[in-house]
Amino acid sequence: MVTTDNSGETYKPVTGLVYLFNLIVGTGALTMPAAFANAGWAGSTVVVVVLCLVSYITTTFVIETMSLANALIKYNQQKGF
């Protein structure tokens, strides 16, 4: 079970999965058709492609940072720090 705060209350795994799904999907996927209808196909497609590229770049930055942190932890363990 996942602890929510210091009071000791917990969520069931199913509730955690629902929250995770909502975080990933959000309302953006539900409003995407309306955004395409209002902005037009060309403009919307360009914006989505740009946002995908920015998302990819930031994801690679996060992965690189995690890799660097892991390497520092391993290095410090080997040196006895």
PDB file of N, CA and C in Angstrom:
ATOM      1  N   MET A   1       0.829  -1.187   0.000  1.00  0.00           N
ATOM      2  CA  MET A   1       0.000   0.000   0.000  1.00  0.00           C
ATOM      3  C   MET A   1       0.869   1.245   0.000  1.00  0.00           C
ATOM      4  N   VAL A   2       0.343   2.298  -0.566  1.00  0.00           N
ATOM      5  CA  VAL A   2       1.072   3.543  -0.682  1.00  0.00           C
ATOM      6  C   VAL A   2       0.607   4.492   0.412  1.00  0.00           C
ATOM      7  N   THR A   3       1.538   5.000   1.205  1.00  0.00           N
ATOM      8  CA  THR A   3       1.190   5.944   2.262  1.00  0.00           C
ATOM      9  C   THR A   3       0.967   7.314   1.644  1.00  0.00           C
ATOM     10  N   THR A   4      -0.108   7.981   2.064  1.00  0.00           N
ATOM     11  CA  THR A   4      -0.437   9.278   1.493  1.00  0.00           C
ATOM     12  C   THR A   4       0.143  10.427   2.296  1.00  0.00           C
ATOM     13  N   ASP A   5       0.197  10.300   3.589  1.00  0.00           N
ATOM     14  CA  ASP A   5       0.735  11.368   4.432  1.00  0.00           C
ATOM     15  C   ASP A   5       1.182  10.773   5.758  1.00  0.00           C
ATOM     16  N   ASN A   6       1.462  11.603   6.724  1.00  0.00           N
ATOM     17  CA  ASN A   6       1.962  11.129   8.012  1.00  0.00           C
ATOM     18  C   ASN A   6       0.886  10.530   8.898  1.00  0.00           C
ATOM     19  N   SER A   7      -0.366  10.619   8.492  1.00  0.00           N
ATOM     20  CA  SER A   7      -1.445  10.087   9.323  1.00  0.00           C
ATOM     21  C   SER A   7      -1.551   8.576   9.235  1.00  0.00           C
ATOM     22  N   GLY A   8      -0.875   7.948   8.291  1.00  0.00           N
ATOM     23  CA  GLY A   8      -0.894   6.502   8.162  1.00  0.00           C
ATOM     24  C   GLY A   8      -1.967   5.974   7.236  1.00  0.00           C
ATOM     25  N   GLU A   9      -2.790   6.856   6.648  1.00  0.00           N
ATOM     26  CA  GLU A   9      -3.811   6.403   5.704  1.00  0.00           C
ATOM     27  C   GLU A   9      -3.127   5.936   4.429  1.00  0.00           C
ATOM     28  N   THR A  10      -3.696   4.915   3.799  1.00  0.00           N
ATOM     29  CA  THR A  10      -3.104   4.372   2.586  1.00  0.00           C
ATOM     30  C   THR A  10      -4.140   4.243   1.480  1.00  0.00           C
ATOM     31  N   TYR A  11      -3.648   4.191   0.248  1.00  0.00           N
ATOM     32  CA  TYR A  11      -4.486   3.931  -0.919  1.00  0.00           C
ATOM     33  C   TYR A  11      -4.313   2.487  -1.337  1.00  0.00           C
ATOM     34  N   LYS A  12      -5.362   1.920  -1.898  1.00  0.00           N
ATOM     35  CA  LYS A  12      -5.260   0.594  -2.485  1.00  0.00           C
ATOM     36  C   LYS A  12      -4.485   0.718  -3.795  1.00  0.00           C
ATOM     37  N   PRO A  13      -3.844  -0.368  -4.251  1.00  0.00           N
ATOM     38  CA  PRO A  13      -3.106  -0.304  -5.524  1.00  0.00           C
ATOM     39  C   PRO A  13      -3.974   0.111  -6.712  1.00  0.00           C
ATOM     40  N   VAL A  14      -5.225  -0.297  -6.720  1.00  0.00           N
ATOM     41  CA  VAL A  14      -6.115   0.071  -7.829  1.00  0.00           C
ATOM     42  C   VAL A  14      -6.317   1.588  -7.843  1.00  0.00           C
ATOM     43  N   THR A  15      -6.491   2.177  -6.681  1.00  0.00           N
ATOM     44  CA  THR A  15      -6.657   3.627  -6.599  1.00  0.00           C
ATOM     45  C   THR A  15      -5.397   4.331  -7.085  1.00  0.00           C
ATOM     46  N   GLY A  16      -4.237   3.807  -6.722  1.00  0.00           N
ATOM     47  CA  GLY A  16      -2.983   4.375  -7.200  1.00  0.00           C
ATOM     48  C   GLY A  16      -2.868   4.298  -8.707  1.00  0.00           C
ATOM     49  N   LEU A  17      -3.302   3.179  -9.292  1.00  0.00           N
ATOM     50  CA  LEU A  17      -3.267   3.044 -10.748  1.00  0.00           C
ATOM     51  C   LEU A  17      -4.212   4.017 -11.434  1.00  0.00           C
ATOM     52  N   VAL A  18      -5.369   4.249 -10.831  1.00  0.00           N
ATOM     53  CA  VAL A  18      -6.312   5.216 -11.397  1.00  0.00           C
ATOM     54  C   VAL A  18      -5.713   6.616 -11.361  1.00  0.00           C
ATOM     55  N   TYR A  19      -5.085   6.973 -10.243  1.00  0.00           N
ATOM     56  CA  TYR A  19      -4.434   8.276 -10.150  1.00  0.00           C
ATOM     57  C   TYR A  19      -3.305   8.394 -11.177  1.00  0.00           C
ATOM     58  N   LEU A  20      -2.528   7.337 -11.350  1.00  0.00           N
ATOM     59  CA  LEU A  20      -1.432   7.345 -12.314  1.00  0.00           C
ATOM     60  C   LEU A  20      -1.968   7.487 -13.740  1.00  0.00           C
ATOM     61  N   PHE A  21      -3.028   6.764 -14.060  1.00  0.00           N
ATOM     62  CA  PHE A  21      -3.643   6.871 -15.390  1.00  0.00           C
ATOM     63  C   PHE A  21      -4.136   8.289 -15.632  1.00  0.00           C
ATOM     64  N   ASN A  22      -4.781   8.879 -14.625  1.00  0.00           N
ATOM     65  CA  ASN A  22      -5.283  10.239 -14.749  1.00  0.00           C
ATOM     66  C   ASN A  22      -4.135  11.225 -14.936  1.00  0.00           C
ATOM     67  N   LEU A  23      -3.017  10.989 -14.258  1.00  0.00           N
ATOM     68  CA  LEU A  23      -1.864  11.863 -14.398  1.00  0.00           C
ATOM     69  C   LEU A  23      -1.281  11.785 -15.803  1.00  0.00           C
ATOM     70  N   ILE A  24      -1.183  10.571 -16.351  1.00  0.00           N
ATOM     71  CA  ILE A  24      -0.599  10.392 -17.668  1.00  0.00           C
ATOM     72  C   ILE A  24      -1.542  10.901 -18.760  1.00  0.00           C
ATOM     73  N   VAL A  25      -2.781  10.510 -18.722  1.00  0.00           N
ATOM     74  CA  VAL A  25      -3.723  10.862 -19.778  1.00  0.00           C
ATOM     75  C   VAL A  25      -4.260  12.270 -19.564  1.00  0.00           C
ATOM     76  N   GLY A  26      -4.709  12.543 -18.351  1.00  0.00           N
ATOM     77  CA  GLY A  26      -5.237  13.867 -18.035  1.00  0.00           C
ATOM     78  C   GLY A  26      -6.410  14.240 -18.914  1.00  0.00           C
ATOM     79  N   THR A  27      -6.723  15.501 -18.908  1.00  0.00           N
ATOM     80  CA  THR A  27      -7.839  15.969 -19.740  1.00  0.00           C
ATOM     81  C   THR A  27      -7.367  16.376 -21.126  1.00  0.00           C
ATOM     82  N   GLY A  28      -6.048  16.437 -21.335  1.00  0.00           N
ATOM     83  CA  GLY A  28      -5.524  16.843 -22.630  1.00  0.00           C
ATOM     84  C   GLY A  28      -5.957  15.938 -23.754  1.00  0.00           C
ATOM     85  N   ALA A  29      -5.954  14.629 -23.510  1.00  0.00           N
ATOM     86  CA  ALA A  29      -6.355  13.693 -24.558  1.00  0.00           C
ATOM     87  C   ALA A  29      -7.836  13.826 -24.887  1.00  0.00           C
ATOM     88  N   LEU A  30      -8.626  14.236 -23.914  1.00  0.00           N
ATOM     89  CA  LEU A  30     -10.059  14.385 -24.157  1.00  0.00           C
ATOM     90  C   LEU A  30     -10.386  15.670 -24.914  1.00  0.00           C
ATOM     91  N   THR A  31      -9.537  16.691 -24.760  1.00  0.00           N
ATOM     92  CA  THR A  31      -9.805  17.954 -25.442  1.00  0.00           C
ATOM     93  C   THR A  31      -9.053  18.105 -26.758  1.00  0.00           C
ATOM     94  N   MET A  32      -8.237  17.140 -27.100  1.00  0.00           N
ATOM     95  CA  MET A  32      -7.447  17.216 -28.340  1.00  0.00           C
ATOM     96  C   MET A  32      -8.318  17.359 -29.590  1.00  0.00           C
ATOM     97  N   PRO A  33      -9.395  16.602 -29.746  1.00  0.00           N
ATOM     98  CA  PRO A  33     -10.219  16.788 -30.957  1.00  0.00           C
ATOM     99  C   PRO A  33     -10.806  18.191 -31.073  1.00  0.00           C
ATOM    100  N   ALA A  34     -11.222  18.757 -29.959  1.00  0.00           N
ATOM    101  CA  ALA A  34     -11.776  20.115 -29.997  1.00  0.00           C
ATOM    102  C   ALA A  34     -10.697  21.125 -30.359  1.00  0.00           C
ATOM    103  N   ALA A  35      -9.480  20.923 -29.853  1.00  0.00           N
ATOM    104  CA  ALA A  35      -8.381  21.828 -30.185  1.00  0.00           C
ATOM    105  C   ALA A  35      -8.053  21.754 -31.675  1.00  0.00           C
ATOM    106  N   PHE A  36      -8.044  20.552 -32.231  1.00  0.00           N
ATOM    107  CA  PHE A  36      -7.798  20.410 -33.667  1.00  0.00           C
ATOM    108  C   PHE A  36      -8.906  21.064 -34.477  1.00  0.00           C
ATOM    109  N   ALA A  37     -10.140  20.935 -34.030  1.00  0.00           N
ATOM    110  CA  ALA A  37     -11.256  21.533 -34.764  1.00  0.00           C
ATOM    111  C   ALA A  37     -11.186  23.053 -34.736  1.00  0.00           C
ATOM    112  N   ASN A  38     -10.780  23.624 -33.607  1.00  0.00           N
ATOM    113  CA  ASN A  38     -10.732  25.089 -33.492  1.00  0.00           C
ATOM    114  C   ASN A  38      -9.501  25.693 -34.166  1.00  0.00           C
ATOM    115  N   ALA A  39      -8.368  25.028 -34.075  1.00  0.00           N
ATOM    116  CA  ALA A  39      -7.125  25.611 -34.594  1.00  0.00           C
ATOM    117  C   ALA A  39      -6.826  25.206 -36.027  1.00  0.00           C
ATOM    118  N   GLY A  40      -7.439  24.172 -36.508  1.00  0.00           N
ATOM    119  CA  GLY A  40      -7.154  23.699 -37.861  1.00  0.00           C
ATOM    120  C   GLY A  40      -6.104  22.602 -37.838  1.00  0.00           C
ATOM    121  N   TRP A  41      -6.079  21.828 -38.918  1.00  0.00           N
ATOM    122  CA  TRP A  41      -5.191  20.663 -38.965  1.00  0.00           C
ATOM    123  C   TRP A  41      -3.728  21.048 -39.036  1.00  0.00           C
ATOM    124  N   ALA A  42      -3.378  22.010 -39.849  1.00  0.00           N
ATOM    125  CA  ALA A  42      -1.972  22.364 -40.043  1.00  0.00           C
ATOM    126  C   ALA A  42      -1.359  22.957 -38.775  1.00  0.00           C
ATOM    127  N   GLY A  43      -2.017  23.941 -38.204  1.00  0.00           N
ATOM    128  CA  GLY A  43      -1.498  24.577 -36.995  1.00  0.00           C
ATOM    129  C   GLY A  43      -1.408  23.622 -35.825  1.00  0.00           C
ATOM    130  N   SER A  44      -2.437  22.824 -35.661  1.00  0.00           N
ATOM    131  CA  SER A  44      -2.453  21.870 -34.559  1.00  0.00           C
ATOM    132  C   SER A  44      -1.376  20.810 -34.711  1.00  0.00           C
ATOM    133  N   THR A  45      -1.187  20.336 -35.933  1.00  0.00           N
ATOM    134  CA  THR A  45      -0.166  19.316 -36.171  1.00  0.00           C
ATOM    135  C   THR A  45       1.230  19.867 -35.883  1.00  0.00           C
ATOM    136  N   VAL A  46       1.501  21.085 -36.301  1.00  0.00           N
ATOM    137  CA  VAL A  46       2.802  21.700 -36.039  1.00  0.00           C
ATOM    138  C   VAL A  46       3.028  21.836 -34.537  1.00  0.00           C
ATOM    139  N   VAL A  47       2.034  22.306 -33.809  1.00  0.00           N
ATOM    140  CA  VAL A  47       2.165  22.477 -32.360  1.00  0.00           C
ATOM    141  C   VAL A  47       2.388  21.137 -31.674  1.00  0.00           C
ATOM    142  N   VAL A  48       1.656  20.119 -32.081  1.00  0.00           N
ATOM    143  CA  VAL A  48       1.817  18.793 -31.461  1.00  0.00           C
ATOM    144  C   VAL A  48       3.213  18.238 -31.739  1.00  0.00           C
ATOM    145  N   VAL A  49       3.713  18.393 -32.946  1.00  0.00           N
ATOM    146  CA  VAL A  49       5.054  17.894 -33.281  1.00  0.00           C
ATOM    147  C   VAL A  49       6.115  18.632 -32.464  1.00  0.00           C
ATOM    148  N   VAL A  50       5.990  19.950 -32.349  1.00  0.00           N
ATOM    149  CA  VAL A  50       6.949  20.725 -31.548  1.00  0.00           C
ATOM    150  C   VAL A  50       6.902  20.287 -30.088  1.00  0.00           C
ATOM    151  N   LEU A  51       5.715  20.111 -29.551  1.00  0.00           N
ATOM    152  CA  LEU A  51       5.591  19.668 -28.154  1.00  0.00           C
ATOM    153  C   LEU A  51       6.145  18.255 -27.959  1.00  0.00           C
ATOM    154  N   CYS A  52       5.991  17.394 -28.949  1.00  0.00           N
ATOM    155  CA  CYS A  52       6.577  16.053 -28.865  1.00  0.00           C
ATOM    156  C   CYS A  52       8.097  16.126 -28.833  1.00  0.00           C
ATOM    157  N   LEU A  53       8.674  16.976 -29.647  1.00  0.00           N
ATOM    158  CA  LEU A  53      10.133  17.137 -29.650  1.00  0.00           C
ATOM    159  C   LEU A  53      10.636  17.682 -28.314  1.00  0.00           C
ATOM    160  N   VAL A  54       9.955  18.678 -27.777  1.00  0.00           N
ATOM    161  CA  VAL A  54      10.344  19.236 -26.481  1.00  0.00           C
ATOM    162  C   VAL A  54      10.214  18.176 -25.387  1.00  0.00           C
ATOM    163  N   SER A  55       9.151  17.399 -25.437  1.00  0.00           N
ATOM    164  CA  SER A  55       8.965  16.329 -24.458  1.00  0.00           C
ATOM    165  C   SER A  55      10.073  15.288 -24.567  1.00  0.00           C
ATOM    166  N   TYR A  56      10.459  14.938 -25.780  1.00  0.00           N
ATOM    167  CA  TYR A  56      11.540  13.973 -25.982  1.00  0.00           C
ATOM    168  C   TYR A  56      12.855  14.510 -25.425  1.00  0.00           C
ATOM    169  N   ILE A  57      13.140  15.771 -25.688  1.00  0.00           N
ATOM    170  CA  ILE A  57      14.388  16.370 -25.205  1.00  0.00           C
ATOM    171  C   ILE A  57      14.420  16.394 -23.683  1.00  0.00           C
ATOM    172  N   THR A  58      13.337  16.811 -23.056  1.00  0.00           N
ATOM    173  CA  THR A  58      13.329  16.861 -21.591  1.00  0.00           C
ATOM    174  C   THR A  58      13.402  15.464 -20.988  1.00  0.00           C
ATOM    175  N   THR A  59      12.794  14.492 -21.642  1.00  0.00           N
ATOM    176  CA  THR A  59      12.882  13.116 -21.142  1.00  0.00           C
ATOM    177  C   THR A  59      14.316  12.608 -21.207  1.00  0.00           C
ATOM    178  N   THR A  60      15.019  12.912 -22.292  1.00  0.00           N
ATOM    179  CA  THR A  60      16.412  12.477 -22.381  1.00  0.00           C
ATOM    180  C   THR A  60      17.279  13.188 -21.348  1.00  0.00           C
ATOM    181  N   PHE A  61      16.973  14.451 -21.028  1.00  0.00           N
ATOM    182  CA  PHE A  61      17.696  15.149 -19.971  1.00  0.00           C
ATOM    183  C   PHE A  61      17.491  14.464 -18.623  1.00  0.00           C
ATOM    184  N   VAL A  62      16.264  14.063 -18.339  1.00  0.00           N
ATOM    185  CA  VAL A  62      15.971  13.389 -17.069  1.00  0.00           C
ATOM    186  C   VAL A  62      16.690  12.052 -16.999  1.00  0.00           C
ATOM    187  N   ILE A  63      16.665  11.290 -18.085  1.00  0.00           N
ATOM    188  CA  ILE A  63      17.341   9.986 -18.097  1.00  0.00           C
ATOM    189  C   ILE A  63      18.844  10.164 -17.931  1.00  0.00           C
ATOM    190  N   GLU A  64      19.408  11.169 -18.591  1.00  0.00           N
ATOM    191  CA  GLU A  64      20.840  11.424 -18.460  1.00  0.00           C
ATOM    192  C   GLU A  64      21.198  11.823 -17.030  1.00  0.00           C
ATOM    193  N   THR A  65      20.368  12.634 -16.409  1.00  0.00           N
ATOM    194  CA  THR A  65      20.604  13.048 -15.025  1.00  0.00           C
ATOM    195  C   THR A  65      20.520  11.864 -14.078  1.00  0.00           C
ATOM    196  N   MET A  66      19.550  10.987 -14.283  1.00  0.00           N
ATOM    197  CA  MET A  66      19.435   9.789 -13.444  1.00  0.00           C
ATOM    198  C   MET A  66      20.654   8.890 -13.620  1.00  0.00           C
ATOM    199  N   SER A  67      21.126   8.770 -14.846  1.00  0.00           N
ATOM    200  CA  SER A  67      22.302   7.955 -15.113  1.00  0.00           C
ATOM    201  C   SER A  67      23.536   8.531 -14.423  1.00  0.00           C
ATOM    202  N   LEU A  68      23.698   9.840 -14.496  1.00  0.00           N
ATOM    203  CA  LEU A  68      24.825  10.495 -13.840  1.00  0.00           C
ATOM    204  C   LEU A  68      24.763  10.327 -12.328  1.00  0.00           C
ATOM    205  N   ALA A  69      23.577  10.486 -11.752  1.00  0.00           N
ATOM    206  CA  ALA A  69      23.422  10.321 -10.308  1.00  0.00           C
ATOM    207  C   ALA A  69      23.751   8.893  -9.894  1.00  0.00           C
ATOM    208  N   ASN A  70      23.317   7.918 -10.679  1.00  0.00           N
ATOM    209  CA  ASN A  70      23.614   6.527 -10.381  1.00  0.00           C
ATOM    210  C   ASN A  70      25.116   6.263 -10.461  1.00  0.00           C
ATOM    211  N   ALA A  71      25.787   6.853 -11.457  1.00  0.00           N
ATOM    212  CA  ALA A  71      27.234   6.680 -11.584  1.00  0.00           C
ATOM    213  C   ALA A  71      27.967   7.291 -10.397  1.00  0.00           C
ATOM    214  N   LEU A  72      27.501   8.450  -9.920  1.00  0.00           N
ATOM    215  CA  LEU A  72      28.125   9.076  -8.755  1.00  0.00           C
ATOM    216  C   LEU A  72      27.933   8.237  -7.500  1.00  0.00           C
ATOM    217  N   ILE A  73      26.765   7.649  -7.345  1.00  0.00           N
ATOM    218  CA  ILE A  73      26.508   6.784  -6.189  1.00  0.00           C
ATOM    219  C   ILE A  73      27.430   5.579  -6.226  1.00  0.00           C
ATOM    220  N   LYS A  74      27.543   4.935  -7.380  1.00  0.00           N
ATOM    221  CA  LYS A  74      28.430   3.773  -7.510  1.00  0.00           C
ATOM    222  C   LYS A  74      29.888   4.158  -7.272  1.00  0.00           C
ATOM    223  N   TYR A  75      30.311   5.304  -7.778  1.00  0.00           N
ATOM    224  CA  TYR A  75      31.681   5.769  -7.594  1.00  0.00           C
ATOM    225  C   TYR A  75      31.972   6.019  -6.112  1.00  0.00           C
ATOM    226  N   ASN A  76      31.035   6.675  -5.437  1.00  0.00           N
ATOM    227  CA  ASN A  76      31.223   6.955  -4.012  1.00  0.00           C
ATOM    228  C   ASN A  76      31.231   5.668  -3.178  1.00  0.00           C
ATOM    229  N   GLN A  77      30.456   4.671  -3.577  1.00  0.00           N
ATOM    230  CA  GLN A  77      30.455   3.406  -2.862  1.00  0.00           C
ATOM    231  C   GLN A  77      31.786   2.687  -3.044  1.00  0.00           C
ATOM    232  N   GLN A  78      32.346   2.767  -4.233  1.00  0.00           N
ATOM    233  CA  GLN A  78      33.629   2.098  -4.489  1.00  0.00           C
ATOM    234  C   GLN A  78      34.770   2.791  -3.748  1.00  0.00           C
ATOM    235  N   LYS A  79      34.707   4.086  -3.609  1.00  0.00           N
ATOM    236  CA  LYS A  79      35.756   4.837  -2.926  1.00  0.00           C
ATOM    237  C   LYS A  79      35.568   4.837  -1.403  1.00  0.00           C
ATOM    238  N   GLY A  80      34.433   4.372  -0.934  1.00  0.00           N
ATOM    239  CA  GLY A  80      34.190   4.271   0.498  1.00  0.00           C
ATOM    240  C   GLY A  80      33.683   5.554   1.141  1.00  0.00           C
ATOM    241  N   PHE A  81      33.078   6.436   0.342  1.00  0.00           N
ATOM    242  CA  PHE A  81      32.539   7.682   0.909  1.00  0.00           C
ATOM    243  C   PHE A  81      31.207   7.462   1.543  1.00  0.00           C
TER     244      PHE A  81
END
